[in-house]
Amino acid sequence: MATKKKVNLSVGRGEKLPASKGAGLTAKGRAKYDAATGSNLKAPTKSGPRKESFCARSESWDGERGKAARKRWGC
């Protein structure tokens, strides 16, 4: 099993948004994560199967950042 690479993302460096502004990664944060892990993260969307999937799997998130992320996705 491959191990995941730890990527240190920061609100102060503009790589993720604070909870007060909707949480989640910025374009800069997604680019940094993609470069470090070989992923291809996409920005939040307001419709379609990606939104439905995100809303379903994040239903139990009850922390400040989780609630803010769900609001940003329109859940």
Protein backbone atom coordinates (compact mmCIF):
# COMPACT_ATOMS: atom_id res chain seq x y z
CA MET A 1 0.00 0.00 0.00
CA ALA A 2 1.37 3.42 -0.96
CA THR A 3 1.70 6.01 1.76
CA LYS A 4 0.16 9.44 1.31
CA LYS A 5 2.50 12.40 1.23
CA LYS A 6 1.81 14.99 3.93
CA VAL A 7 1.26 18.46 2.46
CA ASN A 8 1.35 21.43 4.84
CA LEU A 9 -1.24 24.00 3.73
CA SER A 10 -1.73 27.33 5.51
CA VAL A 11 -4.38 30.03 5.70
CA GLY A 12 -1.64 32.64 6.18
CA ARG A 13 0.12 31.74 2.93
CA GLY A 14 -3.18 31.91 1.02
CA GLU A 15 -3.38 28.17 0.37
CA LYS A 16 -6.71 27.68 2.10
CA LEU A 17 -9.55 29.95 3.14
CA PRO A 18 -10.43 30.66 6.77
CA ALA A 19 -13.73 29.24 7.97
CA SER A 20 -15.20 32.76 8.04
CA LYS A 21 -14.73 32.96 4.25
CA GLY A 22 -16.07 29.51 3.39
CA ALA A 23 -13.11 27.22 4.21
CA GLY A 24 -11.64 24.97 1.52
CA LEU A 25 -8.54 25.28 -0.63
CA THR A 26 -7.73 28.21 -2.89
CA ALA A 27 -6.40 27.74 -6.44
CA LYS A 28 -2.89 28.20 -5.00
CA GLY A 29 -3.53 25.51 -2.37
CA ARG A 30 -4.93 23.07 -4.95
CA ALA A 31 -1.88 23.65 -7.18
CA LYS A 32 0.52 23.02 -4.28
CA TYR A 33 -1.31 19.84 -3.25
CA ASP A 34 -1.48 18.59 -6.84
CA ALA A 35 2.26 19.16 -7.37
CA ALA A 36 3.19 17.39 -4.14
CA THR A 37 0.90 14.36 -4.52
CA GLY A 38 0.22 13.99 -8.23
CA SER A 39 -3.50 14.59 -7.64
CA ASN A 40 -5.85 16.68 -9.75
CA LEU A 41 -8.12 18.53 -7.32
CA LYS A 42 -10.93 20.61 -8.73
CA ALA A 43 -12.71 23.69 -7.37
CA PRO A 44 -16.12 23.38 -5.66
CA THR A 45 -19.11 23.23 -7.98
CA LYS A 46 -22.72 24.30 -7.47
CA SER A 47 -24.35 21.47 -9.46
CA GLY A 48 -23.87 17.98 -10.81
CA PRO A 49 -22.68 14.62 -9.50
CA ARG A 50 -19.54 16.00 -7.79
CA LYS A 51 -21.70 18.27 -5.63
CA GLU A 52 -24.15 15.47 -4.80
CA SER A 53 -21.28 13.17 -3.84
CA PHE A 54 -19.57 15.81 -1.68
CA CYS A 55 -22.79 16.73 0.10
CA ALA A 56 -23.59 13.08 0.82
CA ARG A 57 -20.18 12.19 2.26
CA SER A 58 -19.83 15.42 4.27
CA GLU A 59 -23.28 15.21 5.85
CA SER A 60 -21.90 14.42 9.31
CA TRP A 61 -19.31 17.22 9.38
CA ASP A 62 -20.18 19.41 12.33
CA GLY A 63 -17.02 21.46 12.96
CA GLU A 64 -16.62 25.10 11.96
CA ARG A 65 -14.55 24.35 8.83
CA GLY A 66 -16.84 21.50 7.79
CA LYS A 67 -19.94 23.64 8.03
CA ALA A 68 -18.23 26.44 6.11
CA ALA A 69 -17.10 24.03 3.36
CA ARG A 70 -20.60 22.59 3.02
CA LYS A 71 -22.00 26.12 2.71
CA ARG A 72 -19.43 26.95 0.03
CA TRP A 73 -20.51 23.89 -1.96
CA GLY A 74 -24.17 24.82 -1.52
CA CYS A 75 -25.13 21.74 0.53
